[in-house]
Amino acid sequence: MPRSHTFTAIAATVTAMLAFAGNSILCRLALASGAIDPASFTAIRVASGAIALSLICIAVRRDAAIAKRGSWLAAAMLFLYAVCFSYAYVSLGAASGALILFGCVQGTMIAVALYRGDRPTVVELLGWVCAVAGLTVLLLPGTTAPSIPAAAMMAIAGIAWGVYSILGRKESDALAATTANFLRSVIFAIPLVALTFAHSRIETAGILLAVCSGALTSGLGYVIWYIALTHLTSLRAALVQLSVPAITSLGGVMLLAEPLSLRIALSGAAIIGGVLVASLGKAGWANANE
């Protein structure tokens, strides 16, 4: 790979991972401070993401392709992820939320692969057992255990994002498809806002955080991630995403003054380590069959 391409791949990958972690931190910061309610945060995030992506499509002259891309199912999964993500972060810490989210994303994608006939190796099974054990440790009752309803919400968000990612693999124009799905998801946000309007709470800080989450860490972040994907193998793409919970944990400690408990550290090591082992096992299986 030429040096210019290597630099682009590294820069895009690092930026995308920071953006993904930023989503958790911005959402938690907005909701924990009471600057905005979760329904309003979701609606503003989705709408600002749709606007930002539309402007990018217009700038690169891809706006004509928007109507032909995406699907209502993908948009529904995107919206389900966004709304459950927001409601979960009302009480979840940034670190524990990110661990549950990415654990369930990976679990969903593995489950779909198994359903389609992909058979795991022993190494893969050991890796996923380790990851599930880590998630179990995180959710066990205790003073530092996350709220079960909030954890369930984040698990649903992870499953929805996993399904959305699988659906996105069929798209040949990722930018146009993502823009189309964001635009469609705005329609799903309208009844949410209508149903929760009487209990809405919106401050300027909350609006700004939601716009940053939608336009920058979501909209622009996804575009940068698609640039990175053109330089990464599937394995490397899966492995680099394991850095997101770690980055989120660090950001939670530095920006949100969240304690880094032993429970989070141990469960995080088990989840990330398990997924890493499973991913490497998959690579070995693939190489053996080439």
C-alpha atoms as a PDB file:
ATOM      1  CA  MET A   1       0.000   0.000   0.000  1.00  0.00           C
ATOM      2  CA  PRO A   2       1.470   3.447  -0.940  1.00  0.00           C
ATOM      3  CA  ARG A   3       2.430   5.717   1.973  1.00  0.00           C
ATOM      4  CA  SER A   4      -0.342   8.188   1.148  1.00  0.00           C
ATOM      5  CA  HIS A   5      -2.933   5.414   1.292  1.00  0.00           C
ATOM      6  CA  THR A   6      -1.468   4.109   4.553  1.00  0.00           C
ATOM      7  CA  PHE A   7      -1.684   7.553   6.124  1.00  0.00           C
ATOM      8  CA  THR A   8      -5.274   7.960   4.896  1.00  0.00           C
ATOM      9  CA  ALA A   9      -6.260   4.565   6.286  1.00  0.00           C
ATOM     10  CA  ILE A  10      -4.708   5.250   9.701  1.00  0.00           C
ATOM     11  CA  ALA A  11      -6.095   8.788   9.946  1.00  0.00           C
ATOM     12  CA  ALA A  12      -9.595   7.758   8.867  1.00  0.00           C
ATOM     13  CA  THR A  13      -9.655   4.735  11.183  1.00  0.00           C
ATOM     14  CA  VAL A  14      -8.479   6.657  14.244  1.00  0.00           C
ATOM     15  CA  THR A  15     -10.923   9.498  13.544  1.00  0.00           C
ATOM     16  CA  ALA A  16     -13.836   7.085  13.075  1.00  0.00           C
ATOM     17  CA  MET A  17     -13.104   5.263  16.338  1.00  0.00           C
ATOM     18  CA  LEU A  18     -12.954   8.581  18.193  1.00  0.00           C
ATOM     19  CA  ALA A  19     -16.276   9.527  16.600  1.00  0.00           C
ATOM     20  CA  PHE A  20     -17.934   6.256  17.658  1.00  0.00           C
ATOM     21  CA  ALA A  21     -16.692   6.711  21.224  1.00  0.00           C
ATOM     22  CA  GLY A  22     -17.769  10.356  21.054  1.00  0.00           C
ATOM     23  CA  ASN A  23     -21.368   9.293  20.452  1.00  0.00           C
ATOM     24  CA  SER A  24     -21.504   7.613  23.855  1.00  0.00           C
ATOM     25  CA  ILE A  25     -19.753  10.466  25.637  1.00  0.00           C
ATOM     26  CA  LEU A  26     -21.874  13.219  24.058  1.00  0.00           C
ATOM     27  CA  CYS A  27     -25.123  11.356  24.739  1.00  0.00           C
ATOM     28  CA  ARG A  28     -24.211  10.590  28.338  1.00  0.00           C
ATOM     29  CA  LEU A  29     -23.011  14.165  28.907  1.00  0.00           C
ATOM     30  CA  ALA A  30     -26.272  15.625  27.573  1.00  0.00           C
ATOM     31  CA  LEU A  31     -28.618  13.276  29.442  1.00  0.00           C
ATOM     32  CA  ALA A  32     -26.723  13.018  32.733  1.00  0.00           C
ATOM     33  CA  SER A  33     -26.680  16.809  33.039  1.00  0.00           C
ATOM     34  CA  GLY A  34     -30.421  17.043  32.405  1.00  0.00           C
ATOM     35  CA  ALA A  35     -29.835  19.417  29.494  1.00  0.00           C
ATOM     36  CA  ILE A  36     -32.226  17.486  27.251  1.00  0.00           C
ATOM     37  CA  ASP A  37     -34.628  14.545  27.386  1.00  0.00           C
ATOM     38  CA  PRO A  38     -33.808  11.307  25.504  1.00  0.00           C
ATOM     39  CA  ALA A  39     -36.613  11.656  22.930  1.00  0.00           C
ATOM     40  CA  SER A  40     -35.555  15.181  21.956  1.00  0.00           C
ATOM     41  CA  PHE A  41     -31.897  14.147  21.856  1.00  0.00           C
ATOM     42  CA  THR A  42     -32.774  11.281  19.505  1.00  0.00           C
ATOM     43  CA  ALA A  43     -34.856  13.470  17.195  1.00  0.00           C
ATOM     44  CA  ILE A  44     -32.241  16.229  16.971  1.00  0.00           C
ATOM     45  CA  ARG A  45     -29.441  13.710  16.498  1.00  0.00           C
ATOM     46  CA  VAL A  46     -31.246  11.953  13.649  1.00  0.00           C
ATOM     47  CA  ALA A  47     -32.341  15.205  11.974  1.00  0.00           C
ATOM     48  CA  SER A  48     -28.913  16.856  12.188  1.00  0.00           C
ATOM     49  CA  GLY A  49     -27.296  13.675  10.875  1.00  0.00           C
ATOM     50  CA  ALA A  50     -29.703  13.643   7.929  1.00  0.00           C
ATOM     51  CA  ILE A  51     -28.945  17.304   7.152  1.00  0.00           C
ATOM     52  CA  ALA A  52     -25.171  16.873   7.421  1.00  0.00           C
ATOM     53  CA  LEU A  53     -25.145  13.776   5.218  1.00  0.00           C
ATOM     54  CA  SER A  54     -27.439  15.414   2.654  1.00  0.00           C
ATOM     55  CA  LEU A  55     -25.078  18.385   2.403  1.00  0.00           C
ATOM     56  CA  ILE A  56     -22.133  16.020   1.911  1.00  0.00           C
ATOM     57  CA  CYS A  57     -24.027  14.170  -0.836  1.00  0.00           C
ATOM     58  CA  ILE A  58     -24.806  17.466  -2.564  1.00  0.00           C
ATOM     59  CA  ALA A  59     -21.179  18.580  -2.267  1.00  0.00           C
ATOM     60  CA  VAL A  60     -19.889  15.403  -3.922  1.00  0.00           C
ATOM     61  CA  ARG A  61     -22.798  15.344  -6.398  1.00  0.00           C
ATOM     62  CA  ARG A  62     -24.309  12.120  -5.076  1.00  0.00           C
ATOM     63  CA  ASP A  63     -27.685  13.588  -4.070  1.00  0.00           C
ATOM     64  CA  ALA A  64     -29.442  12.059  -7.094  1.00  0.00           C
ATOM     65  CA  ALA A  65     -28.595   8.558  -5.830  1.00  0.00           C
ATOM     66  CA  ILE A  66     -30.213   9.021  -2.400  1.00  0.00           C
ATOM     67  CA  ALA A  67     -33.763   8.104  -3.450  1.00  0.00           C
ATOM     68  CA  LYS A  68     -32.577   4.776  -4.886  1.00  0.00           C
ATOM     69  CA  ARG A  69     -30.605   3.676  -1.815  1.00  0.00           C
ATOM     70  CA  GLY A  70     -31.315   2.415   1.665  1.00  0.00           C
ATOM     71  CA  SER A  71     -34.553   0.810   2.830  1.00  0.00           C
ATOM     72  CA  TRP A  72     -37.335   1.326   5.328  1.00  0.00           C
ATOM     73  CA  LEU A  73     -36.156  -1.726   7.288  1.00  0.00           C
ATOM     74  CA  ALA A  74     -32.635  -0.311   7.586  1.00  0.00           C
ATOM     75  CA  ALA A  75     -34.050   3.088   8.588  1.00  0.00           C
ATOM     76  CA  ALA A  76     -36.209   1.420  11.245  1.00  0.00           C
ATOM     77  CA  MET A  77     -33.156  -0.372  12.661  1.00  0.00           C
ATOM     78  CA  LEU A  78     -31.180   2.888  12.635  1.00  0.00           C
ATOM     79  CA  PHE A  79     -33.952   4.685  14.507  1.00  0.00           C
ATOM     80  CA  LEU A  80     -34.428   1.808  16.976  1.00  0.00           C
ATOM     81  CA  TYR A  81     -30.701   1.911  17.719  1.00  0.00           C
ATOM     82  CA  ALA A  82     -30.741   5.694  18.200  1.00  0.00           C
ATOM     83  CA  VAL A  83     -33.782   5.851  20.478  1.00  0.00           C
ATOM     84  CA  CYS A  84     -32.771   2.900  22.676  1.00  0.00           C
ATOM     85  CA  PHE A  85     -29.219   4.269  22.830  1.00  0.00           C
ATOM     86  CA  SER A  86     -30.530   7.582  24.172  1.00  0.00           C
ATOM     87  CA  TYR A  87     -32.908   6.117  26.750  1.00  0.00           C
ATOM     88  CA  ALA A  88     -30.242   3.694  27.975  1.00  0.00           C
ATOM     89  CA  TYR A  89     -27.769   6.495  28.618  1.00  0.00           C
ATOM     90  CA  VAL A  90     -30.152   8.244  31.000  1.00  0.00           C
ATOM     91  CA  SER A  91     -28.755   5.975  33.712  1.00  0.00           C
ATOM     92  CA  LEU A  92     -25.918   3.939  32.156  1.00  0.00           C
ATOM     93  CA  GLY A  93     -22.337   5.104  32.449  1.00  0.00           C
ATOM     94  CA  ALA A  94     -20.483   5.758  29.206  1.00  0.00           C
ATOM     95  CA  ALA A  95     -18.105   2.817  29.677  1.00  0.00           C
ATOM     96  CA  SER A  96     -20.660   0.165  30.645  1.00  0.00           C
ATOM     97  CA  GLY A  97     -23.005   1.358  27.889  1.00  0.00           C
ATOM     98  CA  ALA A  98     -20.297   1.033  25.240  1.00  0.00           C
ATOM     99  CA  LEU A  99     -19.354  -2.463  26.435  1.00  0.00           C
ATOM    100  CA  ILE A 100     -22.959  -3.675  26.278  1.00  0.00           C
ATOM    101  CA  LEU A 101     -23.534  -1.991  22.913  1.00  0.00           C
ATOM    102  CA  PHE A 102     -20.520  -3.402  21.103  1.00  0.00           C
ATOM    103  CA  GLY A 103     -20.872  -6.803  22.774  1.00  0.00           C
ATOM    104  CA  CYS A 104     -24.410  -7.097  21.419  1.00  0.00           C
ATOM    105  CA  VAL A 105     -23.430  -5.743  17.980  1.00  0.00           C
ATOM    106  CA  GLN A 106     -20.792  -8.426  17.600  1.00  0.00           C
ATOM    107  CA  GLY A 107     -23.097 -11.096  19.080  1.00  0.00           C
ATOM    108  CA  THR A 108     -25.853 -10.243  16.616  1.00  0.00           C
ATOM    109  CA  MET A 109     -23.543 -10.436  13.632  1.00  0.00           C
ATOM    110  CA  ILE A 110     -22.153 -13.772  14.817  1.00  0.00           C
ATOM    111  CA  ALA A 111     -25.668 -15.146  15.382  1.00  0.00           C
ATOM    112  CA  VAL A 112     -26.678 -14.194  11.844  1.00  0.00           C
ATOM    113  CA  ALA A 113     -23.513 -15.817  10.478  1.00  0.00           C
ATOM    114  CA  LEU A 114     -24.334 -19.033  12.349  1.00  0.00           C
ATOM    115  CA  TYR A 115     -27.913 -18.961  11.077  1.00  0.00           C
ATOM    116  CA  ARG A 116     -26.580 -18.670   7.530  1.00  0.00           C
ATOM    117  CA  GLY A 117     -24.481 -21.790   7.952  1.00  0.00           C
ATOM    118  CA  ASP A 118     -21.123 -20.441   9.131  1.00  0.00           C
ATOM    119  CA  ARG A 119     -19.701 -22.899  11.666  1.00  0.00           C
ATOM    120  CA  PRO A 120     -17.364 -21.640  14.423  1.00  0.00           C
ATOM    121  CA  THR A 121     -14.033 -23.216  15.308  1.00  0.00           C
ATOM    122  CA  VAL A 122     -13.082 -24.217  18.846  1.00  0.00           C
ATOM    123  CA  VAL A 123     -11.004 -21.042  19.181  1.00  0.00           C
ATOM    124  CA  GLU A 124     -13.959 -18.910  18.123  1.00  0.00           C
ATOM    125  CA  LEU A 125     -16.254 -20.641  20.600  1.00  0.00           C
ATOM    126  CA  LEU A 126     -13.776 -20.091  23.426  1.00  0.00           C
ATOM    127  CA  GLY A 127     -13.514 -16.439  22.474  1.00  0.00           C
ATOM    128  CA  TRP A 128     -17.262 -15.894  22.487  1.00  0.00           C
ATOM    129  CA  VAL A 129     -17.689 -17.781  25.777  1.00  0.00           C
ATOM    130  CA  CYS A 130     -15.114 -15.416  27.263  1.00  0.00           C
ATOM    131  CA  ALA A 131     -16.964 -12.393  25.865  1.00  0.00           C
ATOM    132  CA  VAL A 132     -20.340 -13.591  27.167  1.00  0.00           C
ATOM    133  CA  ALA A 133     -18.779 -14.259  30.573  1.00  0.00           C
ATOM    134  CA  GLY A 134     -17.461 -10.700  30.608  1.00  0.00           C
ATOM    135  CA  LEU A 135     -20.892  -9.308  29.768  1.00  0.00           C
ATOM    136  CA  THR A 136     -22.413 -11.479  32.506  1.00  0.00           C
ATOM    137  CA  VAL A 137     -19.913 -10.151  35.057  1.00  0.00           C
ATOM    138  CA  LEU A 138     -20.858  -6.604  34.070  1.00  0.00           C
ATOM    139  CA  LEU A 139     -24.575  -7.272  34.615  1.00  0.00           C
ATOM    140  CA  LEU A 140     -24.347  -9.287  37.851  1.00  0.00           C
ATOM    141  CA  PRO A 141     -26.181  -7.634  40.767  1.00  0.00           C
ATOM    142  CA  GLY A 142     -24.034  -5.362  42.903  1.00  0.00           C
ATOM    143  CA  THR A 143     -23.412  -1.772  43.853  1.00  0.00           C
ATOM    144  CA  THR A 144     -21.700  -0.998  40.538  1.00  0.00           C
ATOM    145  CA  ALA A 145     -23.940  -3.078  38.300  1.00  0.00           C
ATOM    146  CA  PRO A 146     -25.833  -1.114  35.626  1.00  0.00           C
ATOM    147  CA  SER A 147     -29.613  -0.827  35.737  1.00  0.00           C
ATOM    148  CA  ILE A 148     -31.189  -3.899  34.135  1.00  0.00           C
ATOM    149  CA  PRO A 149     -33.830  -1.884  32.177  1.00  0.00           C
ATOM    150  CA  ALA A 150     -31.142   0.473  30.893  1.00  0.00           C
ATOM    151  CA  ALA A 151     -28.845  -2.441  30.021  1.00  0.00           C
ATOM    152  CA  ALA A 152     -31.736  -4.098  28.168  1.00  0.00           C
ATOM    153  CA  MET A 153     -32.313  -0.889  26.217  1.00  0.00           C
ATOM    154  CA  MET A 154     -28.638  -0.756  25.241  1.00  0.00           C
ATOM    155  CA  ALA A 155     -28.727  -4.435  24.281  1.00  0.00           C
ATOM    156  CA  ILE A 156     -31.642  -3.715  21.932  1.00  0.00           C
ATOM    157  CA  ALA A 157     -29.655  -0.790  20.516  1.00  0.00           C
ATOM    158  CA  GLY A 158     -26.714  -3.133  19.883  1.00  0.00           C
ATOM    159  CA  ILE A 159     -28.898  -5.742  18.189  1.00  0.00           C
ATOM    160  CA  ALA A 160     -30.501  -3.068  16.002  1.00  0.00           C
ATOM    161  CA  TRP A 161     -27.095  -1.679  15.025  1.00  0.00           C
ATOM    162  CA  GLY A 162     -25.862  -5.175  14.235  1.00  0.00           C
ATOM    163  CA  VAL A 163     -28.839  -5.782  11.931  1.00  0.00           C
ATOM    164  CA  TYR A 164     -28.331  -2.356  10.349  1.00  0.00           C
ATOM    165  CA  SER A 165     -24.675  -3.169   9.687  1.00  0.00           C
ATOM    166  CA  ILE A 166     -25.602  -6.487   8.058  1.00  0.00           C
ATOM    167  CA  LEU A 167     -28.186  -4.788   5.833  1.00  0.00           C
ATOM    168  CA  GLY A 168     -25.619  -2.156   4.881  1.00  0.00           C
ATOM    169  CA  ARG A 169     -23.254  -4.745   3.433  1.00  0.00           C
ATOM    170  CA  LYS A 170     -25.579  -5.098   0.460  1.00  0.00           C
ATOM    171  CA  GLU A 171     -25.261  -1.416  -0.445  1.00  0.00           C
ATOM    172  CA  SER A 172     -22.838  -0.438  -3.188  1.00  0.00           C
ATOM    173  CA  ASP A 173     -23.084   3.292  -2.352  1.00  0.00           C
ATOM    174  CA  ALA A 174     -22.674   3.532   1.415  1.00  0.00           C
ATOM    175  CA  LEU A 175     -22.846   7.342   1.597  1.00  0.00           C
ATOM    176  CA  ALA A 176     -26.097   7.617  -0.351  1.00  0.00           C
ATOM    177  CA  ALA A 177     -27.616   4.655   1.501  1.00  0.00           C
ATOM    178  CA  THR A 178     -26.737   6.057   4.923  1.00  0.00           C
ATOM    179  CA  THR A 179     -28.128   9.458   3.955  1.00  0.00           C
ATOM    180  CA  ALA A 180     -31.362   7.871   2.713  1.00  0.00           C
ATOM    181  CA  ASN A 181     -31.719   5.869   5.915  1.00  0.00           C
ATOM    182  CA  PHE A 182     -31.138   8.924   8.099  1.00  0.00           C
ATOM    183  CA  LEU A 183     -33.744  10.873   6.116  1.00  0.00           C
ATOM    184  CA  ARG A 184     -36.273   8.061   6.504  1.00  0.00           C
ATOM    185  CA  SER A 185     -35.527   7.757  10.219  1.00  0.00           C
ATOM    186  CA  VAL A 186     -36.568  11.398  10.688  1.00  0.00           C
ATOM    187  CA  ILE A 187     -40.111  10.264   9.844  1.00  0.00           C
ATOM    188  CA  PHE A 188     -39.952   7.713  12.687  1.00  0.00           C
ATOM    189  CA  ALA A 189     -38.815  10.477  15.039  1.00  0.00           C
ATOM    190  CA  ILE A 190     -41.895  12.633  14.432  1.00  0.00           C
ATOM    191  CA  PRO A 191     -44.383  10.471  16.405  1.00  0.00           C
ATOM    192  CA  LEU A 192     -41.776  10.015  19.159  1.00  0.00           C
ATOM    193  CA  VAL A 193     -41.534  13.777  19.606  1.00  0.00           C
ATOM    194  CA  ALA A 194     -45.332  14.143  19.459  1.00  0.00           C
ATOM    195  CA  LEU A 195     -45.869  11.484  22.147  1.00  0.00           C
ATOM    196  CA  THR A 196     -43.235  12.893  24.504  1.00  0.00           C
ATOM    197  CA  PHE A 197     -43.677  16.621  23.839  1.00  0.00           C
ATOM    198  CA  ALA A 198     -45.508  17.295  27.108  1.00  0.00           C
ATOM    199  CA  HIS A 199     -42.510  15.958  29.064  1.00  0.00           C
ATOM    200  CA  SER A 200     -39.767  17.377  26.850  1.00  0.00           C
ATOM    201  CA  ARG A 201     -36.861  19.291  28.328  1.00  0.00           C
ATOM    202  CA  ILE A 202     -34.517  21.148  26.018  1.00  0.00           C
ATOM    203  CA  GLU A 203     -31.691  23.517  26.919  1.00  0.00           C
ATOM    204  CA  THR A 204     -29.189  25.139  24.578  1.00  0.00           C
ATOM    205  CA  ALA A 205     -26.384  22.887  25.791  1.00  0.00           C
ATOM    206  CA  GLY A 206     -28.499  19.807  25.119  1.00  0.00           C
ATOM    207  CA  ILE A 207     -29.304  20.964  21.582  1.00  0.00           C
ATOM    208  CA  LEU A 208     -25.632  21.619  20.830  1.00  0.00           C
ATOM    209  CA  LEU A 209     -24.583  18.204  22.147  1.00  0.00           C
ATOM    210  CA  ALA A 210     -27.309  16.462  20.116  1.00  0.00           C
ATOM    211  CA  VAL A 211     -26.324  18.343  16.948  1.00  0.00           C
ATOM    212  CA  CYS A 212     -22.658  17.445  17.474  1.00  0.00           C
ATOM    213  CA  SER A 213     -23.645  13.800  17.962  1.00  0.00           C
ATOM    214  CA  GLY A 214     -25.833  13.763  14.846  1.00  0.00           C
ATOM    215  CA  ALA A 215     -23.834  15.884  12.413  1.00  0.00           C
ATOM    216  CA  LEU A 216     -20.262  15.141  13.526  1.00  0.00           C
ATOM    217  CA  THR A 217     -19.804  11.875  15.439  1.00  0.00           C
ATOM    218  CA  SER A 218     -22.686  10.135  13.623  1.00  0.00           C
ATOM    219  CA  GLY A 219     -23.087  11.656  10.145  1.00  0.00           C
ATOM    220  CA  LEU A 220     -19.513  12.726   9.406  1.00  0.00           C
ATOM    221  CA  GLY A 221     -18.118   9.893  11.528  1.00  0.00           C
ATOM    222  CA  TYR A 222     -19.881   7.261   9.412  1.00  0.00           C
ATOM    223  CA  VAL A 223     -18.588   8.853   6.200  1.00  0.00           C
ATOM    224  CA  ILE A 224     -15.020   8.760   7.528  1.00  0.00           C
ATOM    225  CA  TRP A 225     -15.529   5.145   8.588  1.00  0.00           C
ATOM    226  CA  TYR A 226     -16.580   4.221   5.059  1.00  0.00           C
ATOM    227  CA  ILE A 227     -13.351   5.816   3.809  1.00  0.00           C
ATOM    228  CA  ALA A 228     -11.405   3.706   6.302  1.00  0.00           C
ATOM    229  CA  LEU A 229     -13.227   0.539   5.231  1.00  0.00           C
ATOM    230  CA  THR A 230     -11.862   0.881   1.693  1.00  0.00           C
ATOM    231  CA  HIS A 231      -8.379   0.320   3.170  1.00  0.00           C
ATOM    232  CA  LEU A 232      -9.220  -2.367   5.752  1.00  0.00           C
ATOM    233  CA  THR A 233      -9.895  -6.075   5.546  1.00  0.00           C
ATOM    234  CA  SER A 234     -13.030  -7.362   7.305  1.00  0.00           C
ATOM    235  CA  LEU A 235     -10.879  -8.752  10.114  1.00  0.00           C
ATOM    236  CA  ARG A 236      -9.036  -5.503  10.691  1.00  0.00           C
ATOM    237  CA  ALA A 237     -12.301  -3.582  10.578  1.00  0.00           C
ATOM    238  CA  ALA A 238     -13.719  -5.838  13.298  1.00  0.00           C
ATOM    239  CA  LEU A 239     -10.584  -5.658  15.420  1.00  0.00           C
ATOM    240  CA  VAL A 240     -10.193  -1.865  15.396  1.00  0.00           C
ATOM    241  CA  GLN A 241     -13.761  -1.470  16.641  1.00  0.00           C
ATOM    242  CA  LEU A 242     -12.712  -3.255  19.807  1.00  0.00           C
ATOM    243  CA  SER A 243     -10.900  -0.040  20.743  1.00  0.00           C
ATOM    244  CA  VAL A 244     -14.175   1.913  21.048  1.00  0.00           C
ATOM    245  CA  PRO A 245     -15.204   0.708  24.537  1.00  0.00           C
ATOM    246  CA  ALA A 246     -11.677   1.390  25.794  1.00  0.00           C
ATOM    247  CA  ILE A 247     -11.680   4.906  24.319  1.00  0.00           C
ATOM    248  CA  THR A 248     -15.158   5.504  25.730  1.00  0.00           C
ATOM    249  CA  SER A 249     -14.058   4.344  29.187  1.00  0.00           C
ATOM    250  CA  LEU A 250     -11.101   6.722  29.106  1.00  0.00           C
ATOM    251  CA  GLY A 251     -13.320   9.564  27.909  1.00  0.00           C
ATOM    252  CA  GLY A 252     -15.858   8.810  30.637  1.00  0.00           C
ATOM    253  CA  VAL A 253     -13.158   9.066  33.286  1.00  0.00           C
ATOM    254  CA  MET A 254     -11.606  12.254  31.869  1.00  0.00           C
ATOM    255  CA  LEU A 255     -14.675  14.160  30.677  1.00  0.00           C
ATOM    256  CA  LEU A 256     -17.531  12.815  32.796  1.00  0.00           C
ATOM    257  CA  ALA A 257     -15.628  12.061  36.019  1.00  0.00           C
ATOM    258  CA  GLU A 258     -16.933   8.478  35.930  1.00  0.00           C
ATOM    259  CA  PRO A 259     -15.081   5.991  38.131  1.00  0.00           C
ATOM    260  CA  LEU A 260     -13.299   3.163  36.365  1.00  0.00           C
ATOM    261  CA  SER A 261     -14.472   0.303  38.579  1.00  0.00           C
ATOM    262  CA  LEU A 262     -12.826  -3.093  38.849  1.00  0.00           C
ATOM    263  CA  ARG A 263     -16.028  -4.650  37.490  1.00  0.00           C
ATOM    264  CA  ILE A 264     -15.868  -2.566  34.286  1.00  0.00           C
ATOM    265  CA  ALA A 265     -12.138  -3.211  33.897  1.00  0.00           C
ATOM    266  CA  LEU A 266     -12.512  -6.990  34.261  1.00  0.00           C
ATOM    267  CA  SER A 267     -15.637  -7.306  32.128  1.00  0.00           C
ATOM    268  CA  GLY A 268     -14.151  -5.010  29.499  1.00  0.00           C
ATOM    269  CA  ALA A 269     -10.975  -7.093  29.317  1.00  0.00           C
ATOM    270  CA  ALA A 270     -13.037 -10.290  28.990  1.00  0.00           C
ATOM    271  CA  ILE A 271     -15.374  -8.890  26.319  1.00  0.00           C
ATOM    272  CA  ILE A 272     -12.664  -7.250  24.225  1.00  0.00           C
ATOM    273  CA  GLY A 273     -10.265 -10.162  24.692  1.00  0.00           C
ATOM    274  CA  GLY A 274     -12.936 -12.707  23.823  1.00  0.00           C
ATOM    275  CA  VAL A 275     -13.966 -10.924  20.650  1.00  0.00           C
ATOM    276  CA  LEU A 276     -10.300 -10.539  19.700  1.00  0.00           C
ATOM    277  CA  VAL A 277      -9.650 -14.268  20.155  1.00  0.00           C
ATOM    278  CA  ALA A 278     -12.793 -15.136  18.198  1.00  0.00           C
ATOM    279  CA  SER A 279     -11.820 -12.790  15.371  1.00  0.00           C
ATOM    280  CA  LEU A 280      -8.297 -14.198  15.163  1.00  0.00           C
ATOM    281  CA  GLY A 281      -9.722 -17.713  15.227  1.00  0.00           C
ATOM    282  CA  LYS A 282     -11.960 -16.809  12.321  1.00  0.00           C
ATOM    283  CA  ALA A 283      -8.968 -15.492  10.405  1.00  0.00           C
ATOM    284  CA  GLY A 284      -7.098 -18.727  10.982  1.00  0.00           C
ATOM    285  CA  TRP A 285     -10.071 -20.758   9.781  1.00  0.00           C
ATOM    286  CA  ALA A 286     -10.341 -18.615   6.651  1.00  0.00           C
ATOM    287  CA  ASN A 287      -6.626 -18.909   5.869  1.00  0.00           C
ATOM    288  CA  ALA A 288      -6.726 -22.676   6.333  1.00  0.00           C
ATOM    289  CA  ASN A 289      -9.476 -22.963   3.767  1.00  0.00           C
ATOM    290  CA  GLU A 290      -7.986 -20.676   1.128  1.00  0.00           C
END
